[in-house]
C-alpha atoms as a PDB file:
ATOM      1  CA  UNK A   1       2.641   8.963  -7.839  1.00  0.00           C
ATOM      2  CA  UNK A   2       2.539   9.204  -4.035  1.00  0.00           C
ATOM      3  CA  UNK A   3       4.209   6.364  -2.088  1.00  0.00           C
ATOM      4  CA  UNK A   4       1.928   3.763  -0.567  1.00  0.00           C
ATOM      5  CA  UNK A   5       1.199   4.109   3.118  1.00  0.00           C
ATOM      6  CA  UNK A   6       2.665   1.306   5.281  1.00  0.00           C
ATOM      7  CA  UNK A   7      -0.057   2.013   7.855  1.00  0.00           C
ATOM      8  CA  UNK A   8      -2.473   0.270   5.505  1.00  0.00           C
ATOM      9  CA  UNK A   9      -1.828  -3.462   5.833  1.00  0.00           C
ATOM     10  CA  UNK A  10       1.924  -2.865   6.162  1.00  0.00           C
ATOM     11  CA  UNK A  11       2.410  -2.375   2.420  1.00  0.00           C
ATOM     12  CA  UNK A  12      -0.330   0.037   1.344  1.00  0.00           C
ATOM     13  CA  UNK A  13      -2.134  -2.757  -0.521  1.00  0.00           C
ATOM     14  CA  UNK A  14      -4.767  -5.160   0.777  1.00  0.00           C
ATOM     15  CA  UNK A  15      -6.254  -8.040  -1.200  1.00  0.00           C
ATOM     16  CA  UNK A  16      -9.711  -8.869   0.120  1.00  0.00           C
ATOM     17  CA  UNK A  17     -10.698 -12.513  -0.251  1.00  0.00           C
ATOM     18  CA  UNK A  18     -14.403 -13.329  -0.326  1.00  0.00           C
ATOM     19  CA  UNK A  19     -16.456 -16.414  -1.074  1.00  0.00           C
ATOM     20  CA  UNK A  20     -17.009 -15.597  -4.739  1.00  0.00           C
ATOM     21  CA  UNK A  21     -15.453 -17.420  -7.702  1.00  0.00           C
ATOM     22  CA  UNK A  22     -15.189 -14.186  -9.694  1.00  0.00           C
ATOM     23  CA  UNK A  23     -15.103 -10.725  -8.170  1.00  0.00           C
ATOM     24  CA  UNK A  24     -15.316  -7.418 -10.028  1.00  0.00           C
ATOM     25  CA  UNK A  25     -14.926  -4.168  -8.138  1.00  0.00           C
ATOM     26  CA  UNK A  26     -17.657  -1.530  -8.156  1.00  0.00           C
ATOM     27  CA  UNK A  27     -17.785   1.695  -6.146  1.00  0.00           C
ATOM     28  CA  UNK A  28     -16.255   2.241  -2.705  1.00  0.00           C
ATOM     29  CA  UNK A  29     -16.520   4.928  -0.041  1.00  0.00           C
ATOM     30  CA  UNK A  30     -14.288   5.950   2.857  1.00  0.00           C
ATOM     31  CA  UNK A  31     -16.457   6.507   5.918  1.00  0.00           C
ATOM     32  CA  UNK A  32     -15.922   9.108   8.632  1.00  0.00           C
ATOM     33  CA  UNK A  33     -14.570   6.375  10.898  1.00  0.00           C
ATOM     34  CA  UNK A  34     -11.911   5.567   8.279  1.00  0.00           C
ATOM     35  CA  UNK A  35     -13.537   2.259   7.401  1.00  0.00           C
ATOM     36  CA  UNK A  36     -13.693   1.385   3.699  1.00  0.00           C
ATOM     37  CA  UNK A  37     -16.912  -0.005   2.244  1.00  0.00           C
ATOM     38  CA  UNK A  38     -17.351  -1.067  -1.348  1.00  0.00           C
ATOM     39  CA  UNK A  39     -19.599  -2.858  -3.812  1.00  0.00           C
ATOM     40  CA  UNK A  40     -18.550  -5.636  -6.148  1.00  0.00           C
ATOM     41  CA  UNK A  41     -19.865  -8.461  -8.302  1.00  0.00           C
ATOM     42  CA  UNK A  42     -19.468 -11.890  -6.739  1.00  0.00           C
ATOM     43  CA  UNK A  43     -19.781 -15.015  -8.878  1.00  0.00           C
ATOM     44  CA  UNK A  44     -20.503 -18.580  -7.802  1.00  0.00           C
ATOM     45  CA  UNK A  45     -19.226 -21.819  -9.431  1.00  0.00           C
ATOM     46  CA  UNK A  46     -22.642 -22.096 -11.128  1.00  0.00           C
ATOM     47  CA  UNK A  47     -22.213 -18.630 -12.656  1.00  0.00           C
ATOM     48  CA  UNK A  48     -24.794 -17.027 -10.416  1.00  0.00           C
ATOM     49  CA  UNK A  49     -23.790 -13.459  -9.662  1.00  0.00           C
ATOM     50  CA  UNK A  50     -24.657 -11.541  -6.499  1.00  0.00           C
ATOM     51  CA  UNK A  51     -24.922  -7.990  -5.228  1.00  0.00           C
ATOM     52  CA  UNK A  52     -22.036  -7.912  -2.757  1.00  0.00           C
ATOM     53  CA  UNK A  53     -20.407  -5.490  -0.347  1.00  0.00           C
ATOM     54  CA  UNK A  54     -17.252  -5.585   1.747  1.00  0.00           C
ATOM     55  CA  UNK A  55     -16.103  -3.423   4.643  1.00  0.00           C
ATOM     56  CA  UNK A  56     -12.610  -3.141   6.074  1.00  0.00           C
ATOM     57  CA  UNK A  57     -11.123  -1.372   9.044  1.00  0.00           C
ATOM     58  CA  UNK A  58      -8.890   1.660   8.340  1.00  0.00           C
ATOM     59  CA  UNK A  59      -5.805  -0.585   8.260  1.00  0.00           C
ATOM     60  CA  UNK A  60      -7.332  -2.870   5.613  1.00  0.00           C
ATOM     61  CA  UNK A  61      -8.304  -5.677   7.986  1.00  0.00           C
ATOM     62  CA  UNK A  62     -11.781  -7.128   7.236  1.00  0.00           C
ATOM     63  CA  UNK A  63     -14.400  -5.676   9.581  1.00  0.00           C
ATOM     64  CA  UNK A  64     -15.967  -8.817  11.074  1.00  0.00           C
ATOM     65  CA  UNK A  65     -18.878  -6.781  12.461  1.00  0.00           C
ATOM     66  CA  UNK A  66     -20.035  -6.549   8.832  1.00  0.00           C
ATOM     67  CA  UNK A  67     -21.579  -9.842   7.759  1.00  0.00           C
ATOM     68  CA  UNK A  68     -19.386 -11.851  10.128  1.00  0.00           C
ATOM     69  CA  UNK A  69     -16.459 -12.037   7.683  1.00  0.00           C
ATOM     70  CA  UNK A  70     -16.283  -8.465   6.420  1.00  0.00           C
ATOM     71  CA  UNK A  71     -18.521  -9.054   3.397  1.00  0.00           C
ATOM     72  CA  UNK A  72     -22.111  -9.858   2.432  1.00  0.00           C
ATOM     73  CA  UNK A  73     -23.661 -11.313  -0.729  1.00  0.00           C
ATOM     74  CA  UNK A  74     -27.277 -11.100  -1.891  1.00  0.00           C
ATOM     75  CA  UNK A  75     -28.887 -13.177  -4.616  1.00  0.00           C
ATOM     76  CA  UNK A  76     -31.570 -10.785  -5.823  1.00  0.00           C
ATOM     77  CA  UNK A  77     -31.302 -11.180  -9.612  1.00  0.00           C
ATOM     78  CA  UNK A  78     -32.293 -13.884 -12.027  1.00  0.00           C
ATOM     79  CA  UNK A  79     -28.815 -14.450 -13.465  1.00  0.00           C
ATOM     80  CA  UNK A  80     -26.318 -11.588 -13.404  1.00  0.00           C
ATOM     81  CA  UNK A  81     -26.709  -8.620 -11.076  1.00  0.00           C
ATOM     82  CA  UNK A  82     -24.154  -5.840 -10.953  1.00  0.00           C
ATOM     83  CA  UNK A  83     -23.794  -3.433  -8.024  1.00  0.00           C
ATOM     84  CA  UNK A  84     -22.463  -0.134  -9.266  1.00  0.00           C
ATOM     85  CA  UNK A  85     -23.409   2.754  -6.990  1.00  0.00           C
ATOM     86  CA  UNK A  86     -23.235   3.133  -3.212  1.00  0.00           C
ATOM     87  CA  UNK A  87     -24.183   5.807  -0.682  1.00  0.00           C
ATOM     88  CA  UNK A  88     -24.248   5.771   3.128  1.00  0.00           C
ATOM     89  CA  UNK A  89     -27.041   7.893   4.611  1.00  0.00           C
ATOM     90  CA  UNK A  90     -28.142   7.953   8.260  1.00  0.00           C
ATOM     91  CA  UNK A  91     -25.976   4.887   8.991  1.00  0.00           C
ATOM     92  CA  UNK A  92     -27.700   2.893   6.235  1.00  0.00           C
ATOM     93  CA  UNK A  93     -26.209   1.751   2.931  1.00  0.00           C
ATOM     94  CA  UNK A  94     -28.103   2.376  -0.306  1.00  0.00           C
ATOM     95  CA  UNK A  95     -27.049   0.309  -3.314  1.00  0.00           C
ATOM     96  CA  UNK A  96     -28.220   0.660  -6.901  1.00  0.00           C
ATOM     97  CA  UNK A  97     -27.799  -2.450  -9.049  1.00  0.00           C
ATOM     98  CA  UNK A  98     -29.042  -3.546 -12.435  1.00  0.00           C
ATOM     99  CA  UNK A  99     -30.080  -6.918 -13.787  1.00  0.00           C
ATOM    100  CA  UNK A 100     -28.074  -7.633 -16.933  1.00  0.00           C
ATOM    101  CA  UNK A 101     -30.092  -8.720 -19.946  1.00  0.00           C
ATOM    102  CA  UNK A 102     -33.228  -7.030 -18.639  1.00  0.00           C
ATOM    103  CA  UNK A 103     -34.395  -3.482 -18.088  1.00  0.00           C
ATOM    104  CA  UNK A 104     -34.772  -3.743 -14.312  1.00  0.00           C
ATOM    105  CA  UNK A 105     -33.002  -1.532 -11.810  1.00  0.00           C
ATOM    106  CA  UNK A 106     -32.769  -2.640  -8.178  1.00  0.00           C
ATOM    107  CA  UNK A 107     -32.493  -0.421  -5.117  1.00  0.00           C
ATOM    108  CA  UNK A 108     -31.694  -2.049  -1.786  1.00  0.00           C
ATOM    109  CA  UNK A 109     -30.957  -0.720   1.681  1.00  0.00           C
ATOM    110  CA  UNK A 110     -28.616  -2.388   4.170  1.00  0.00           C
ATOM    111  CA  UNK A 111     -28.201  -1.885   7.878  1.00  0.00           C
ATOM    112  CA  UNK A 112     -24.842  -1.021   9.430  1.00  0.00           C
ATOM    113  CA  UNK A 113     -24.005  -4.713  10.008  1.00  0.00           C
ATOM    114  CA  UNK A 114     -24.669  -5.630   6.359  1.00  0.00           C
ATOM    115  CA  UNK A 115     -28.135  -7.144   6.836  1.00  0.00           C
ATOM    116  CA  UNK A 116     -30.898  -6.136   4.469  1.00  0.00           C
ATOM    117  CA  UNK A 117     -33.083  -3.537   6.148  1.00  0.00           C
ATOM    118  CA  UNK A 118     -36.402  -5.337   6.860  1.00  0.00           C
ATOM    119  CA  UNK A 119     -38.314  -2.047   6.882  1.00  0.00           C
ATOM    120  CA  UNK A 120     -37.652  -1.463   3.162  1.00  0.00           C
ATOM    121  CA  UNK A 121     -38.282  -4.250   0.660  1.00  0.00           C
ATOM    122  CA  UNK A 122     -35.902  -4.565  -2.277  1.00  0.00           C
ATOM    123  CA  UNK A 123     -37.235  -2.241  -4.985  1.00  0.00           C
ATOM    124  CA  UNK A 124     -37.237  -3.243  -8.666  1.00  0.00           C
ATOM    125  CA  UNK A 125     -38.452  -0.926 -11.371  1.00  0.00           C
ATOM    126  CA  UNK A 126     -38.257  -0.243 -15.100  1.00  0.00           C
ATOM    127  CA  UNK A 127     -37.177   3.382 -15.579  1.00  0.00           C
ATOM    128  CA  UNK A 128     -37.199   3.472 -19.390  1.00  0.00           C
ATOM    129  CA  UNK A 129     -39.956   1.610 -21.269  1.00  0.00           C
ATOM    130  CA  UNK A 130     -38.227   2.437 -24.565  1.00  0.00           C
ATOM    131  CA  UNK A 131     -35.224   0.252 -23.776  1.00  0.00           C
ATOM    132  CA  UNK A 132     -35.199  -3.524 -23.814  1.00  0.00           C
ATOM    133  CA  UNK A 133     -31.742  -4.752 -22.921  1.00  0.00           C
ATOM    134  CA  UNK A 134     -29.238  -3.256 -20.521  1.00  0.00           C
ATOM    135  CA  UNK A 135     -28.915  -0.552 -17.907  1.00  0.00           C
ATOM    136  CA  UNK A 136     -25.805   1.030 -16.458  1.00  0.00           C
ATOM    137  CA  UNK A 137     -26.288   2.866 -13.171  1.00  0.00           C
ATOM    138  CA  UNK A 138     -23.815   5.695 -13.458  1.00  0.00           C
ATOM    139  CA  UNK A 139     -24.497   8.199 -10.693  1.00  0.00           C
ATOM    140  CA  UNK A 140     -26.289   8.090  -7.336  1.00  0.00           C
ATOM    141  CA  UNK A 141     -26.553  11.426  -5.512  1.00  0.00           C
ATOM    142  CA  UNK A 142     -28.255  12.628  -2.302  1.00  0.00           C
ATOM    143  CA  UNK A 143     -29.453  16.195  -1.730  1.00  0.00           C
ATOM    144  CA  UNK A 144     -30.161  15.856   1.994  1.00  0.00           C
ATOM    145  CA  UNK A 145     -33.729  14.655   1.421  1.00  0.00           C
ATOM    146  CA  UNK A 146     -33.954  12.678  -1.826  1.00  0.00           C
ATOM    147  CA  UNK A 147     -31.872  10.256  -3.867  1.00  0.00           C
ATOM    148  CA  UNK A 148     -31.230  10.844  -7.575  1.00  0.00           C
ATOM    149  CA  UNK A 149     -30.070   8.051  -9.870  1.00  0.00           C
ATOM    150  CA  UNK A 150     -28.802   8.709 -13.393  1.00  0.00           C
ATOM    151  CA  UNK A 151     -28.682   5.785 -15.836  1.00  0.00           C
ATOM    152  CA  UNK A 152     -27.865   4.877 -19.384  1.00  0.00           C
ATOM    153  CA  UNK A 153     -30.228   2.388 -21.036  1.00  0.00           C
ATOM    154  CA  UNK A 154     -29.694   0.415 -24.251  1.00  0.00           C
ATOM    155  CA  UNK A 155     -31.507  -1.445 -26.966  1.00  0.00           C
ATOM    156  CA  UNK A 156     -29.980  -4.852 -27.640  1.00  0.00           C
ATOM    157  CA  UNK A 157     -29.909  -4.670 -31.432  1.00  0.00           C
ATOM    158  CA  UNK A 158     -31.480  -1.962 -33.597  1.00  0.00           C
ATOM    159  CA  UNK A 159     -31.675   0.952 -34.002  1.00  0.00           C
ATOM    160  CA  UNK A 160     -28.040   2.066 -34.034  1.00  0.00           C
ATOM    161  CA  UNK A 161     -28.857   5.158 -31.967  1.00  0.00           C
ATOM    162  CA  UNK A 162     -29.891   3.080 -28.999  1.00  0.00           C
ATOM    163  CA  UNK A 163     -28.827   4.850 -25.797  1.00  0.00           C
ATOM    164  CA  UNK A 164     -31.152   6.869 -23.571  1.00  0.00           C
ATOM    165  CA  UNK A 165     -30.165   8.795 -20.439  1.00  0.00           C
ATOM    166  CA  UNK A 166     -32.686   8.456 -17.609  1.00  0.00           C
ATOM    167  CA  UNK A 167     -32.874  10.354 -14.292  1.00  0.00           C
ATOM    168  CA  UNK A 168     -34.981   9.010 -11.393  1.00  0.00           C
ATOM    169  CA  UNK A 169     -35.809  10.448  -7.963  1.00  0.00           C
ATOM    170  CA  UNK A 170     -36.578   8.469  -4.781  1.00  0.00           C
ATOM    171  CA  UNK A 171     -37.292   9.143  -1.162  1.00  0.00           C
ATOM    172  CA  UNK A 172     -35.183   7.346   1.444  1.00  0.00           C
ATOM    173  CA  UNK A 173     -37.678   4.470   1.617  1.00  0.00           C
ATOM    174  CA  UNK A 174     -37.115   3.756  -2.070  1.00  0.00           C
ATOM    175  CA  UNK A 175     -40.425   5.213  -3.263  1.00  0.00           C
ATOM    176  CA  UNK A 176     -40.514   7.086  -6.553  1.00  0.00           C
ATOM    177  CA  UNK A 177     -41.238  10.810  -6.174  1.00  0.00           C
ATOM    178  CA  UNK A 178     -44.123  11.166  -8.626  1.00  0.00           C
ATOM    179  CA  UNK A 179     -43.948  14.964  -8.745  1.00  0.00           C
ATOM    180  CA  UNK A 180     -40.646  14.506 -10.580  1.00  0.00           C
ATOM    181  CA  UNK A 181     -41.686  14.146 -14.206  1.00  0.00           C
ATOM    182  CA  UNK A 182     -45.031  12.566 -13.320  1.00  0.00           C
ATOM    183  CA  UNK A 183     -43.617   9.067 -12.736  1.00  0.00           C
ATOM    184  CA  UNK A 184     -40.428   9.723 -10.780  1.00  0.00           C
ATOM    185  CA  UNK A 185     -38.235   9.096 -13.840  1.00  0.00           C
ATOM    186  CA  UNK A 186     -37.358  11.238 -16.860  1.00  0.00           C
ATOM    187  CA  UNK A 187     -35.798  10.251 -20.179  1.00  0.00           C
ATOM    188  CA  UNK A 188     -33.461  13.232 -20.617  1.00  0.00           C
ATOM    189  CA  UNK A 189     -31.368  12.461 -23.688  1.00  0.00           C
ATOM    190  CA  UNK A 190     -32.939   9.946 -26.061  1.00  0.00           C
ATOM    191  CA  UNK A 191     -31.637   7.991 -29.046  1.00  0.00           C
ATOM    192  CA  UNK A 192     -27.864   8.425 -28.862  1.00  0.00           C
ATOM    193  CA  UNK A 193     -25.157   6.138 -30.213  1.00  0.00           C
ATOM    194  CA  UNK A 194     -22.620   7.139 -27.527  1.00  0.00           C
ATOM    195  CA  UNK A 195     -22.972   4.035 -25.374  1.00  0.00           C
ATOM    196  CA  UNK A 196     -19.647   4.192 -23.545  1.00  0.00           C
ATOM    197  CA  UNK A 197     -19.563   7.773 -22.347  1.00  0.00           C
ATOM    198  CA  UNK A 198     -20.070   8.937 -18.782  1.00  0.00           C
ATOM    199  CA  UNK A 199     -23.304  10.438 -17.517  1.00  0.00           C
ATOM    200  CA  UNK A 200     -22.726  12.887 -14.665  1.00  0.00           C
ATOM    201  CA  UNK A 201     -24.951  14.666 -12.166  1.00  0.00           C
ATOM    202  CA  UNK A 202     -24.393  17.538  -9.737  1.00  0.00           C
ATOM    203  CA  UNK A 203     -26.787  19.396  -7.414  1.00  0.00           C
ATOM    204  CA  UNK A 204     -27.210  23.160  -7.018  1.00  0.00           C
ATOM    205  CA  UNK A 205     -28.779  23.897  -3.623  1.00  0.00           C
ATOM    206  CA  UNK A 206     -28.786  27.665  -4.186  1.00  0.00           C
ATOM    207  CA  UNK A 207     -31.271  27.499  -7.074  1.00  0.00           C
ATOM    208  CA  UNK A 208     -32.985  24.133  -6.390  1.00  0.00           C
ATOM    209  CA  UNK A 209     -31.528  22.814  -9.644  1.00  0.00           C
ATOM    210  CA  UNK A 210     -29.806  19.762 -11.071  1.00  0.00           C
ATOM    211  CA  UNK A 211     -27.075  19.765 -13.712  1.00  0.00           C
ATOM    212  CA  UNK A 212     -26.429  16.632 -15.713  1.00  0.00           C
ATOM    213  CA  UNK A 213     -24.261  15.811 -18.685  1.00  0.00           C
ATOM    214  CA  UNK A 214     -24.367  13.301 -21.473  1.00  0.00           C
ATOM    215  CA  UNK A 215     -25.109  13.446 -25.193  1.00  0.00           C
ATOM    216  CA  UNK A 216     -28.050  15.008 -26.988  1.00  0.00           C
ATOM    217  CA  UNK A 217     -28.216  14.201 -30.698  1.00  0.00           C
ATOM    218  CA  UNK A 218     -24.724  12.770 -30.162  1.00  0.00           C
ATOM    219  CA  UNK A 219     -23.292  16.148 -29.097  1.00  0.00           C
ATOM    220  CA  UNK A 220     -21.825  16.581 -25.572  1.00  0.00           C
ATOM    221  CA  UNK A 221     -24.263  18.614 -23.499  1.00  0.00           C
ATOM    222  CA  UNK A 222     -24.980  19.893 -19.981  1.00  0.00           C
ATOM    223  CA  UNK A 223     -28.659  20.289 -19.066  1.00  0.00           C
ATOM    224  CA  UNK A 224     -30.203  22.191 -16.151  1.00  0.00           C
ATOM    225  CA  UNK A 225     -33.372  20.851 -14.494  1.00  0.00           C
ATOM    226  CA  UNK A 226     -35.702  22.047 -11.780  1.00  0.00           C
ATOM    227  CA  UNK A 227     -34.995  19.761  -8.817  1.00  0.00           C
ATOM    228  CA  UNK A 228     -38.644  19.520  -7.737  1.00  0.00           C
ATOM    229  CA  UNK A 229     -40.437  18.852 -11.012  1.00  0.00           C
ATOM    230  CA  UNK A 230     -37.660  17.758 -13.359  1.00  0.00           C
ATOM    231  CA  UNK A 231     -38.628  20.478 -15.840  1.00  0.00           C
ATOM    232  CA  UNK A 232     -35.846  21.879 -18.024  1.00  0.00           C
ATOM    233  CA  UNK A 233     -34.769  25.400 -16.982  1.00  0.00           C
ATOM    234  CA  UNK A 234     -35.140  27.236 -20.284  1.00  0.00           C
ATOM    235  CA  UNK A 235     -32.976  30.227 -19.314  1.00  0.00           C
ATOM    236  CA  UNK A 236     -29.843  28.064 -19.250  1.00  0.00           C
ATOM    237  CA  UNK A 237     -27.887  27.762 -22.495  1.00  0.00           C
ATOM    238  CA  UNK A 238     -30.179  27.066 -25.447  1.00  0.00           C
ATOM    239  CA  UNK A 239     -33.577  26.039 -24.097  1.00  0.00           C
ATOM    240  CA  UNK A 240     -31.955  24.527 -21.025  1.00  0.00           C
ATOM    241  CA  UNK A 241     -29.102  22.788 -22.864  1.00  0.00           C
ATOM    242  CA  UNK A 242     -25.464  23.904 -22.981  1.00  0.00           C
ATOM    243  CA  UNK A 243     -23.918  22.217 -26.021  1.00  0.00           C
ATOM    244  CA  UNK A 244     -20.138  21.706 -25.829  1.00  0.00           C
ATOM    245  CA  UNK A 245     -19.333  20.673 -29.382  1.00  0.00           C
ATOM    246  CA  UNK A 246     -15.591  21.313 -29.021  1.00  0.00           C
ATOM    247  CA  UNK A 247     -15.459  18.322 -26.659  1.00  0.00           C
ATOM    248  CA  UNK A 248     -15.613  14.739 -27.841  1.00  0.00           C
ATOM    249  CA  UNK A 249     -17.138  13.919 -24.447  1.00  0.00           C
ATOM    250  CA  UNK A 250     -17.558  15.356 -20.955  1.00  0.00           C
ATOM    251  CA  UNK A 251     -15.639  13.484 -18.255  1.00  0.00           C
ATOM    252  CA  UNK A 252     -16.098  15.838 -15.294  1.00  0.00           C
ATOM    253  CA  UNK A 253     -18.902  18.069 -13.990  1.00  0.00           C
ATOM    254  CA  UNK A 254     -18.671  20.075 -10.762  1.00  0.00           C
ATOM    255  CA  UNK A 255     -20.395  23.111  -9.269  1.00  0.00           C
ATOM    256  CA  UNK A 256     -18.218  25.546  -7.315  1.00  0.00           C
ATOM    257  CA  UNK A 257     -19.787  28.201  -5.088  1.00  0.00           C
ATOM    258  CA  UNK A 258     -17.525  30.994  -6.362  1.00  0.00           C
ATOM    259  CA  UNK A 259     -16.344  29.916  -9.808  1.00  0.00           C
ATOM    260  CA  UNK A 260     -19.586  28.427 -11.114  1.00  0.00           C
ATOM    261  CA  UNK A 261     -20.090  25.331 -13.240  1.00  0.00           C
ATOM    262  CA  UNK A 262     -16.858  23.526 -14.112  1.00  0.00           C
ATOM    263  CA  UNK A 263     -16.684  21.021 -16.961  1.00  0.00           C
ATOM    264  CA  UNK A 264     -13.778  18.761 -17.798  1.00  0.00           C
ATOM    265  CA  UNK A 265     -13.829  17.757 -21.444  1.00  0.00           C
ATOM    266  CA  UNK A 266     -11.878  15.425 -23.676  1.00  0.00           C
ATOM    267  CA  UNK A 267     -10.874  16.359 -27.194  1.00  0.00           C
ATOM    268  CA  UNK A 268      -8.249  15.330 -29.742  1.00  0.00           C
ATOM    269  CA  UNK A 269      -5.137  17.463 -30.257  1.00  0.00           C
ATOM    270  CA  UNK A 270      -2.809  16.097 -32.912  1.00  0.00           C
ATOM    271  CA  UNK A 271      -4.443  12.714 -32.529  1.00  0.00           C
ATOM    272  CA  UNK A 272      -3.837  12.645 -28.767  1.00  0.00           C
ATOM    273  CA  UNK A 273      -6.538  12.644 -26.143  1.00  0.00           C
ATOM    274  CA  UNK A 274      -6.251  15.965 -24.341  1.00  0.00           C
ATOM    275  CA  UNK A 275      -8.303  17.422 -21.497  1.00  0.00           C
ATOM    276  CA  UNK A 276      -9.359  20.931 -20.530  1.00  0.00           C
ATOM    277  CA  UNK A 277     -11.394  22.450 -17.717  1.00  0.00           C
ATOM    278  CA  UNK A 278     -13.829  25.246 -18.599  1.00  0.00           C
ATOM    279  CA  UNK A 279     -16.030  27.545 -16.541  1.00  0.00           C
ATOM    280  CA  UNK A 280     -19.640  28.554 -17.160  1.00  0.00           C
ATOM    281  CA  UNK A 281     -22.088  30.653 -15.181  1.00  0.00           C
ATOM    282  CA  UNK A 282     -24.518  28.336 -13.416  1.00  0.00           C
ATOM    283  CA  UNK A 283     -27.380  30.782 -13.838  1.00  0.00           C
ATOM    284  CA  UNK A 284     -27.508  30.951 -17.628  1.00  0.00           C
ATOM    285  CA  UNK A 285     -24.599  28.906 -19.017  1.00  0.00           C
ATOM    286  CA  UNK A 286     -22.726  31.923 -20.363  1.00  0.00           C
ATOM    287  CA  UNK A 287     -18.939  32.089 -20.264  1.00  0.00           C
ATOM    288  CA  UNK A 288     -17.033  34.289 -17.850  1.00  0.00           C
ATOM    289  CA  UNK A 289     -14.425  36.449 -19.554  1.00  0.00           C
ATOM    290  CA  UNK A 290     -11.703  34.014 -18.537  1.00  0.00           C
ATOM    291  CA  UNK A 291     -13.294  30.652 -18.770  1.00  0.00           C
ATOM    292  CA  UNK A 292     -10.595  28.246 -19.895  1.00  0.00           C
ATOM    293  CA  UNK A 293      -7.485  27.089 -18.107  1.00  0.00           C
ATOM    294  CA  UNK A 294      -4.125  28.019 -19.590  1.00  0.00           C
ATOM    295  CA  UNK A 295      -2.881  24.449 -19.570  1.00  0.00           C
ATOM    296  CA  UNK A 296      -4.285  21.412 -21.291  1.00  0.00           C
ATOM    297  CA  UNK A 297      -3.176  18.239 -19.647  1.00  0.00           C
ATOM    298  CA  UNK A 298      -2.241  14.872 -21.065  1.00  0.00           C
ATOM    299  CA  UNK A 299       0.559  12.571 -19.941  1.00  0.00           C
ATOM    300  CA  UNK A 300       3.128  11.983 -22.654  1.00  0.00           C
ATOM    301  CA  UNK A 301       3.247   8.311 -21.730  1.00  0.00           C
ATOM    302  CA  UNK A 302      -0.530   8.103 -21.590  1.00  0.00           C
ATOM    303  CA  UNK A 303      -1.471   9.796 -24.856  1.00  0.00           C
ATOM    304  CA  UNK A 304      -4.143   7.176 -25.562  1.00  0.00           C
ATOM    305  CA  UNK A 305      -5.436   6.871 -21.989  1.00  0.00           C
ATOM    306  CA  UNK A 306      -8.832   7.952 -20.711  1.00  0.00           C
ATOM    307  CA  UNK A 307      -8.741  10.429 -17.826  1.00  0.00           C
ATOM    308  CA  UNK A 308     -11.517  10.314 -15.225  1.00  0.00           C
ATOM    309  CA  UNK A 309     -11.283  13.190 -12.700  1.00  0.00           C
ATOM    310  CA  UNK A 310     -11.912  12.356  -9.070  1.00  0.00           C
ATOM    311  CA  UNK A 311     -11.238  15.306  -6.755  1.00  0.00           C
ATOM    312  CA  UNK A 312     -11.294  18.994  -7.680  1.00  0.00           C
ATOM    313  CA  UNK A 313      -9.847  21.479  -5.195  1.00  0.00           C
ATOM    314  CA  UNK A 314     -10.100  25.191  -5.985  1.00  0.00           C
ATOM    315  CA  UNK A 315      -7.873  27.787  -4.338  1.00  0.00           C
ATOM    316  CA  UNK A 316      -8.143  31.266  -5.789  1.00  0.00           C
ATOM    317  CA  UNK A 317      -7.521  31.006  -9.520  1.00  0.00           C
ATOM    318  CA  UNK A 318      -5.898  27.591  -9.265  1.00  0.00           C
ATOM    319  CA  UNK A 319      -7.498  24.177  -9.583  1.00  0.00           C
ATOM    320  CA  UNK A 320      -5.830  21.057  -8.279  1.00  0.00           C
ATOM    321  CA  UNK A 321      -7.372  18.034 -10.001  1.00  0.00           C
ATOM    322  CA  UNK A 322      -6.527  14.391  -9.625  1.00  0.00           C
ATOM    323  CA  UNK A 323      -8.034  11.258 -11.067  1.00  0.00           C
ATOM    324  CA  UNK A 324      -7.326   8.010 -12.841  1.00  0.00           C
ATOM    325  CA  UNK A 325      -5.764   7.440 -16.234  1.00  0.00           C
ATOM    326  CA  UNK A 326      -7.489   4.338 -17.589  1.00  0.00           C
ATOM    327  CA  UNK A 327      -4.793   2.859 -19.791  1.00  0.00           C
ATOM    328  CA  UNK A 328      -4.982  -0.815 -18.936  1.00  0.00           C
ATOM    329  CA  UNK A 329      -3.248  -0.158 -15.604  1.00  0.00           C
ATOM    330  CA  UNK A 330      -4.960   2.630 -13.706  1.00  0.00           C
ATOM    331  CA  UNK A 331      -2.539   5.429 -12.815  1.00  0.00           C
ATOM    332  CA  UNK A 332      -3.138   8.427 -10.594  1.00  0.00           C
ATOM    333  CA  UNK A 333      -2.675  11.757 -12.374  1.00  0.00           C
ATOM    334  CA  UNK A 334      -2.298  14.956 -10.351  1.00  0.00           C
ATOM    335  CA  UNK A 335      -2.443  18.342 -12.087  1.00  0.00           C
ATOM    336  CA  UNK A 336      -2.160  21.957 -10.926  1.00  0.00           C
ATOM    337  CA  UNK A 337      -3.918  24.222 -13.398  1.00  0.00           C
ATOM    338  CA  UNK A 338      -4.353  28.013 -13.483  1.00  0.00           C
ATOM    339  CA  UNK A 339      -6.982  30.094 -15.242  1.00  0.00           C
ATOM    340  CA  UNK A 340      -6.108  32.717 -17.816  1.00  0.00           C
ATOM    341  CA  UNK A 341      -4.902  35.945 -16.243  1.00  0.00           C
END
C-alpha cells in the first residue's frame, strides 16, 4: 500500500466534522482544481436524514466557500434519504438520491457554492412501477449531452426473485428523455434474486451504444443498448445479451478503444473468491483469440474479501488495475496483469 501523503492535512488523513449526528459516506470526486467533493448521509438527533455534500480544499481543509462551513444538508425526503451518486457538469453538481422505504428517486442540482439551483426544481420520479420498496442508485454517467442513471429496485417481501435493474435517461434540466424507451426509463433485467450485486454502465461513443451489466435470470450478463432509443442491439451476444456463466458476478465493466470490452468477474477457485479480466469484441460480443489474462488475482490474506476495481490503465498487452478489497477494513489492491501471449 502506498504511503500516505503528508501534503494532505499533514498526515494523509482528514476527518471532516459536520453538523450531523450520524454520517455515512457516499460517492466523492476529485475536481480539476484538486478540491474534493463528496456525498454522504447526515442524520439529526430526531433521526431525520438529509442529502448532504462536503467540499474540501486539496490539502483537506474545509472549503468555506461551499455552504459557509464546507458542507451543505438538504431535507428533501420524508424520513431517510440517501445520496449515492454525484457528477459535476458545467460547474454544477448533480446528485441522485433515493427515499428509503418508497420507490422514489430524487435528482437535484446544486450550484458551485452548494446552493440548490433555483432554475431546476428537485425532481422526484418512480422509475419502476413493479417495485414497491427500495431503490439503490448504482451508476450515474454523462455522455456529453445526457445523464444516464442505473438502479436496482426491490420488492419488500414476496416474491423471492424481487430485484429489477432499471436504466433512466435525463437531460441536464432533469427532464426524462421520452424517446428512450417511451417513458425515459427501461426495466432491463427483471425478477432476479441477486439483490447485492453491482450494476454497471459504460458508454460507447463510436457506435452510439450503452453497455450495462447485472443479472438476467440470475446469470451474470452484459447487455448492449442503442443509446438513443434504449432498444437492445440484437447483433451483440445472444439477442443483445452476453451471458458470462463462469462468473458468479461481474464487478468491473470498461470499454477500451483498442482492446474492446473488458469485464472483471468474480468466481470461486477452491472455495476462494478469485477475479479475472476478460476481453470481448464490443461489436458482437465474440472473444478475441487471446481474451483472458494469464493471472488470476486474489490476496492470500483476503481470500474472502470482495474486490471492487477502480482504475484500469492499459499499456500494450498489460493492464494495471487497482481497487478496494472490501473485507471489513477497505484495503487498496494494485495488480499488474498480462494477456496470454
